[in-house]
Amino acid sequence: MKAVVYTLGCKTNQYESGAVAKLLIENGYEVVDLFEKADLYVINTCAVTAEAERKSRQMARRVNTVSPYSDVIILGCAAQNSAKRFLEIPNVAAIGGLGGKVDIVQRYLNGERKFSDIYIDTQYEDRPTRQNRTRNYIKVQDGCDKFCSYCIVPLLRGRSRSRDIDSITKEILDCGAKEIVLGGIDLSDYRYNGLNFIDLVRRTGKLGPRIRISSLGVKAVSQELIDAMKEGNFCPHFHLSIQSGSNQVLKNMNRHYTKQDIIDACNLIRQRYPRAAITSDIIAGFPQETDQDHQETLDTLEKAGLSFMHIFPYSIRPNTRAAKMPQIDKATKRARVRDLENLREKLFARFLQSEQGKTAEVITEQAEDGYISGHTQNYIKAYLPKDAPMGELIKIKIGERFRDGVLGILV
């Protein structure tokens, strides 16, 4: 028997899909990630934007074309937000939201059909997951208490809750991966039995593999955090959840920091990690954003000296405060996305140029069009010769820009 476990959205969703895949493998299924003909399809959905929800429903409907007699299990944020819309899709045998994803699949394996069970976990759900011995994402926290005005995630995933730190360290030691990525919905809000995020950094940083932090809030960047990271084997890669560089827009977003806080955080990082990659997510065309606000964002991001950024046009999410604000027209959003894309290209080119000729360590991850690719400590994608060993930590010299990264010269 073959099962497809198809995941949309964030790394946390991917981790949770890994727990589902592990269960299916234990029950005799061959599990694949690509959308191909199979006996069972599990689609772990996303609802962070309207487009993500639309694509989630599209993938569920696609099963009827690829394998019309196969069952479909729908899980995740889009199901949590609008389960009824999935009930209309042929062959859907079970629907679960964000609570008990593994339990929903187990009930299907036990013979239940045509059921829906939508709820939110109030405690951290600790489930073993499928492991990757190259780069392994480890979920340590779930939920969010921030309630940003545009974000539906706290309404779907519930309040912040954290994983037992002993469980985290055990998974790091057991998985044998060369790189660990610590992740969650609001990672820096980690709190467990009196321990906080900095305690987690200190506890995990000396366990052996290199460690990457998936995402940080701007206010989480402190001298104490940087010092704790320096004590361990942490990668100089900081993905800051910035969203905007305009003080007024940040206020309207309910983000609780200013453009100066952004610049100060980036400067603090570079004092201790001169070669750090600082990346971010940016929302273009937020409600009530003026031309002046947009220009302020461009100026702030350039002053902060980001290495790269992911850009998203604002998307209305139901039951959020931003959905009730005066909206920006689509043409203006598109123009602002283009401005941000132009700045991103300028910043990315500058960052890669600053790294050229320097040495780095790459963990080789996959074969890709005649090359072996992997990522440096500061998350530059490097393309190595096709005979480079797979799944190994390799020292390189950073060469010229190539595709979405650089050429890596073996040393």
Foldseek 3Di string as FASTA:
>chain_A
DEEEEEEDDDPVLVQVSQLLVVVVVVVPYHYDHDDADDQEYEYAFDPFFPVRLVVSLVSLQCCCVRYVVHAYEYEEDSCLVCVPVNLPHPRHFEYEYHPPPNVRVVVVVVPHGDYYDYDEDPEDDDGDGHADQAEGEDEFKEADDQQFQFGCRCVRHPHIYGDDLVSVLVCVLPRNHQEYEYDYPAQQQHDDPHDGNLNSLLVNQASHHEYEYDAHELVSQDPSSLVSNVVGRYFLEYEYADAFQAQVVCVNRSRPDHLVSLLVSLVSSCVSVVLAAYEYEYEFFQFPQDPVRLVSRLVSCVSSLHQAYHYHYRHHDPPGNSNPGHGDDPVRRVVSSVVVVVSRVVSNQVSLVVQAFPKFKWFFADDDDQFTWTATSNGFIETEGPPPDHRDIFMFGFHDQDDRGTYTHGD
